[in-house]
Amino acid sequence: MFLFAPDQFTGHAQIGDAAARGPHLVRLGNAPVLSAEGPTIETLESTLTEGYAQALALEAERWRLERRLGEVAREGGADLVDEVSSIGRQLNRTDGELERLRALLATLHERARTVRRS
């Protein structure tokens, strides 16, 4: 699963493994709004921008997999069942990643609205 978080050296968002990156998004969503520890609006907006870009990349991957599924079905072949199963698993994984990412982005979007109003 791919998500994003500021790189420890550059401070810019980097795409990476959700096991390492996912907690950062949750921390941003749960940080105090009106305190020195809370994320700045710039941090939230930058993270949202990177997140939306990642969501678009996941959607593109999903479209690629769907196209491939159609090609495999048209071509047939001896390994049809194995390849269709593999593509199906990849689609399920991509759909799950996209769903989790969208949920995190919705939380961060609301958080950014709250910070902007305060």
C-alpha atoms as a PDB file:
ATOM      1  CA  MET A   1       0.000   0.000   0.000  1.00  0.00           C
ATOM      2  CA  PHE A   2       1.317   3.429  -0.859  1.00  0.00           C
ATOM      3  CA  LEU A   3       0.852   6.567   1.155  1.00  0.00           C
ATOM      4  CA  PHE A   4       2.941   9.625   1.761  1.00  0.00           C
ATOM      5  CA  ALA A   5       4.539  11.623   4.541  1.00  0.00           C
ATOM      6  CA  PRO A   6       7.231  14.291   4.809  1.00  0.00           C
ATOM      7  CA  ASP A   7      10.687  12.889   4.260  1.00  0.00           C
ATOM      8  CA  GLN A   8      12.817  13.161   7.387  1.00  0.00           C
ATOM      9  CA  PHE A   9      15.631  14.882   5.504  1.00  0.00           C
ATOM     10  CA  THR A  10      13.916  17.145   2.975  1.00  0.00           C
ATOM     11  CA  GLY A  11      10.564  17.789   4.632  1.00  0.00           C
ATOM     12  CA  HIS A  12       8.866  17.129   1.280  1.00  0.00           C
ATOM     13  CA  ALA A  13       6.244  14.452   0.932  1.00  0.00           C
ATOM     14  CA  GLN A  14       7.493  11.130  -0.330  1.00  0.00           C
ATOM     15  CA  ILE A  15       5.526   8.111  -1.494  1.00  0.00           C
ATOM     16  CA  GLY A  16       6.277   4.952   0.439  1.00  0.00           C
ATOM     17  CA  ASP A  17       4.990   1.949   2.330  1.00  0.00           C
ATOM     18  CA  ALA A  18       1.850   2.555   4.367  1.00  0.00           C
ATOM     19  CA  ALA A  19       3.185   0.633   7.332  1.00  0.00           C
ATOM     20  CA  ALA A  20       5.831   3.318   7.736  1.00  0.00           C
ATOM     21  CA  ARG A  21       3.938   6.316   6.333  1.00  0.00           C
ATOM     22  CA  GLY A  22       0.282   5.821   7.298  1.00  0.00           C
ATOM     23  CA  PRO A  23       0.672   6.784  10.975  1.00  0.00           C
ATOM     24  CA  HIS A  24       1.908  10.252   9.922  1.00  0.00           C
ATOM     25  CA  LEU A  25      -1.416  10.974   8.223  1.00  0.00           C
ATOM     26  CA  VAL A  26      -3.317   9.837  11.277  1.00  0.00           C
ATOM     27  CA  ARG A  27      -1.128  12.023  13.530  1.00  0.00           C
ATOM     28  CA  LEU A  28      -1.801  15.038  11.300  1.00  0.00           C
ATOM     29  CA  GLY A  29      -5.512  14.353  11.498  1.00  0.00           C
ATOM     30  CA  ASN A  30      -5.455  13.960  15.279  1.00  0.00           C
ATOM     31  CA  ALA A  31      -3.023  16.751  16.231  1.00  0.00           C
ATOM     32  CA  PRO A  32      -4.377  19.667  18.291  1.00  0.00           C
ATOM     33  CA  VAL A  33      -5.796  22.468  16.141  1.00  0.00           C
ATOM     34  CA  LEU A  34      -4.912  25.505  18.223  1.00  0.00           C
ATOM     35  CA  SER A  35      -1.539  24.645  19.684  1.00  0.00           C
ATOM     36  CA  ALA A  36       2.139  24.833  18.861  1.00  0.00           C
ATOM     37  CA  GLU A  37       2.136  21.060  18.250  1.00  0.00           C
ATOM     38  CA  GLY A  38      -0.600  21.248  15.609  1.00  0.00           C
ATOM     39  CA  PRO A  39       0.254  21.089  11.920  1.00  0.00           C
ATOM     40  CA  THR A  40       0.346  24.326   9.974  1.00  0.00           C
ATOM     41  CA  ILE A  41      -2.116  24.920   7.183  1.00  0.00           C
ATOM     42  CA  GLU A  42       0.831  24.764   4.766  1.00  0.00           C
ATOM     43  CA  THR A  43       1.739  21.281   6.016  1.00  0.00           C
ATOM     44  CA  LEU A  44      -1.851  20.107   5.724  1.00  0.00           C
ATOM     45  CA  GLU A  45      -2.298  21.548   2.233  1.00  0.00           C
ATOM     46  CA  SER A  46       0.993  20.106   1.017  1.00  0.00           C
ATOM     47  CA  THR A  47       0.052  16.704   2.378  1.00  0.00           C
ATOM     48  CA  LEU A  48      -3.394  16.921   0.795  1.00  0.00           C
ATOM     49  CA  THR A  49      -1.857  17.827  -2.568  1.00  0.00           C
ATOM     50  CA  GLU A  50       0.480  14.850  -2.408  1.00  0.00           C
ATOM     51  CA  GLY A  51      -2.402  12.641  -1.323  1.00  0.00           C
ATOM     52  CA  TYR A  52      -4.609  13.723  -4.201  1.00  0.00           C
ATOM     53  CA  ALA A  53      -1.734  13.018  -6.598  1.00  0.00           C
ATOM     54  CA  GLN A  54      -1.321   9.555  -5.084  1.00  0.00           C
ATOM     55  CA  ALA A  55      -5.071   8.928  -5.422  1.00  0.00           C
ATOM     56  CA  LEU A  56      -4.856   9.833  -9.123  1.00  0.00           C
ATOM     57  CA  ALA A  57      -1.916   7.454  -9.534  1.00  0.00           C
ATOM     58  CA  LEU A  58      -3.909   4.659  -7.875  1.00  0.00           C
ATOM     59  CA  GLU A  59      -6.876   5.356 -10.152  1.00  0.00           C
ATOM     60  CA  ALA A  60      -4.574   5.212 -13.180  1.00  0.00           C
ATOM     61  CA  GLU A  61      -3.205   1.881 -11.949  1.00  0.00           C
ATOM     62  CA  ARG A  62      -6.757   0.600 -11.557  1.00  0.00           C
ATOM     63  CA  TRP A  63      -7.605   1.628 -15.134  1.00  0.00           C
ATOM     64  CA  ARG A  64      -4.424  -0.068 -16.368  1.00  0.00           C
ATOM     65  CA  LEU A  65      -5.394  -3.286 -14.583  1.00  0.00           C
ATOM     66  CA  GLU A  66      -8.926  -3.172 -15.993  1.00  0.00           C
ATOM     67  CA  ARG A  67      -7.535  -2.719 -19.515  1.00  0.00           C
ATOM     68  CA  ARG A  68      -5.171  -5.639 -18.950  1.00  0.00           C
ATOM     69  CA  LEU A  69      -8.054  -7.776 -17.721  1.00  0.00           C
ATOM     70  CA  GLY A  70      -9.916  -7.081 -20.962  1.00  0.00           C
ATOM     71  CA  GLU A  71      -6.831  -7.929 -23.028  1.00  0.00           C
ATOM     72  CA  VAL A  72      -6.308 -11.212 -21.189  1.00  0.00           C
ATOM     73  CA  ALA A  73      -9.968 -12.154 -21.656  1.00  0.00           C
ATOM     74  CA  ARG A  74      -9.773 -11.425 -25.396  1.00  0.00           C
ATOM     75  CA  GLU A  75      -6.466 -13.280 -25.862  1.00  0.00           C
ATOM     76  CA  GLY A  76      -7.440 -16.385 -23.892  1.00  0.00           C
ATOM     77  CA  GLY A  77      -4.632 -18.860 -23.462  1.00  0.00           C
ATOM     78  CA  ALA A  78      -3.608 -21.664 -21.183  1.00  0.00           C
ATOM     79  CA  ASP A  79      -2.800 -19.475 -18.190  1.00  0.00           C
ATOM     80  CA  LEU A  80      -6.031 -17.457 -18.423  1.00  0.00           C
ATOM     81  CA  VAL A  81      -7.353 -18.444 -14.992  1.00  0.00           C
ATOM     82  CA  ASP A  82      -4.072 -17.680 -13.235  1.00  0.00           C
ATOM     83  CA  GLU A  83      -3.649 -14.301 -14.916  1.00  0.00           C
ATOM     84  CA  VAL A  84      -7.270 -13.253 -14.334  1.00  0.00           C
ATOM     85  CA  SER A  85      -6.911 -14.245 -10.666  1.00  0.00           C
ATOM     86  CA  SER A  86      -3.694 -12.277 -10.350  1.00  0.00           C
ATOM     87  CA  ILE A  87      -5.214  -9.176 -11.926  1.00  0.00           C
ATOM     88  CA  GLY A  88      -8.272  -9.551  -9.694  1.00  0.00           C
ATOM     89  CA  ARG A  89      -6.074  -9.624  -6.581  1.00  0.00           C
ATOM     90  CA  GLN A  90      -4.198  -6.551  -7.800  1.00  0.00           C
ATOM     91  CA  LEU A  91      -7.489  -4.737  -8.434  1.00  0.00           C
ATOM     92  CA  ASN A  92      -8.733  -5.616  -4.956  1.00  0.00           C
ATOM     93  CA  ARG A  93      -5.492  -4.400  -3.403  1.00  0.00           C
ATOM     94  CA  THR A  94      -5.581  -1.160  -5.400  1.00  0.00           C
ATOM     95  CA  ASP A  95      -9.233  -0.581  -4.510  1.00  0.00           C
ATOM     96  CA  GLY A  96      -8.437  -1.080  -0.820  1.00  0.00           C
ATOM     97  CA  GLU A  97      -5.507   1.320  -0.970  1.00  0.00           C
ATOM     98  CA  LEU A  98      -7.622   3.899  -2.738  1.00  0.00           C
ATOM     99  CA  GLU A  99     -10.440   3.555  -0.224  1.00  0.00           C
ATOM    100  CA  ARG A 100      -8.085   3.946   2.753  1.00  0.00           C
ATOM    101  CA  LEU A 101      -6.321   6.893   1.126  1.00  0.00           C
ATOM    102  CA  ARG A 102      -9.602   8.653   0.366  1.00  0.00           C
ATOM    103  CA  ALA A 103     -10.732   8.188   3.978  1.00  0.00           C
ATOM    104  CA  LEU A 104      -7.480   9.674   5.273  1.00  0.00           C
ATOM    105  CA  LEU A 105      -7.702  12.546   2.799  1.00  0.00           C
ATOM    106  CA  ALA A 106     -11.278  13.288   3.858  1.00  0.00           C
ATOM    107  CA  THR A 107     -10.125  13.506   7.486  1.00  0.00           C
ATOM    108  CA  LEU A 108      -7.213  15.770   6.554  1.00  0.00           C
ATOM    109  CA  HIS A 109      -9.456  17.921   4.365  1.00  0.00           C
ATOM    110  CA  GLU A 110     -11.804  18.521   7.284  1.00  0.00           C
ATOM    111  CA  ARG A 111      -8.809  19.201   9.489  1.00  0.00           C
ATOM    112  CA  ALA A 112      -7.499  21.814   7.038  1.00  0.00           C
ATOM    113  CA  ARG A 113     -10.926  23.492   6.968  1.00  0.00           C
ATOM    114  CA  THR A 114     -10.902  23.663  10.763  1.00  0.00           C
ATOM    115  CA  VAL A 115      -7.378  25.137  10.839  1.00  0.00           C
ATOM    116  CA  ARG A 116      -8.311  27.722   8.177  1.00  0.00           C
ATOM    117  CA  ARG A 117     -11.327  28.853  10.226  1.00  0.00           C
ATOM    118  CA  SER A 118      -9.343  29.239  13.445  1.00  0.00           C
END
